[in-house]
Amino acid sequence: LEWIDACKGGKPAWSNFDYAGPMTEAMLLGLVALRSGKKIEWDAKKMRVKNAPEANRFIHSEYRNGWTL
């Protein structure tokens, strides 16, 4: 709940988003590389794997109708 409150503009979260965001992104990209079985080159601006397009399926899922975030 602390994280949600911070997102809504409440007190800052215990973990600084400026630090935790990039750290989490790096760890998740490690999982993408592991699952794809390839060393990946990440384009952070486009949020895409540059050298292994098949790995992009682990980045974003297409949701069925009726399911949104």
Foldseek 3Di string as FASTA:
>chain_A
DLVVCVVVPHDPHPDHCVPVVVVVVVVVVVVLCVVVVHDFDADVVVRATDPDNVSCCSRDPDDDPPDDD
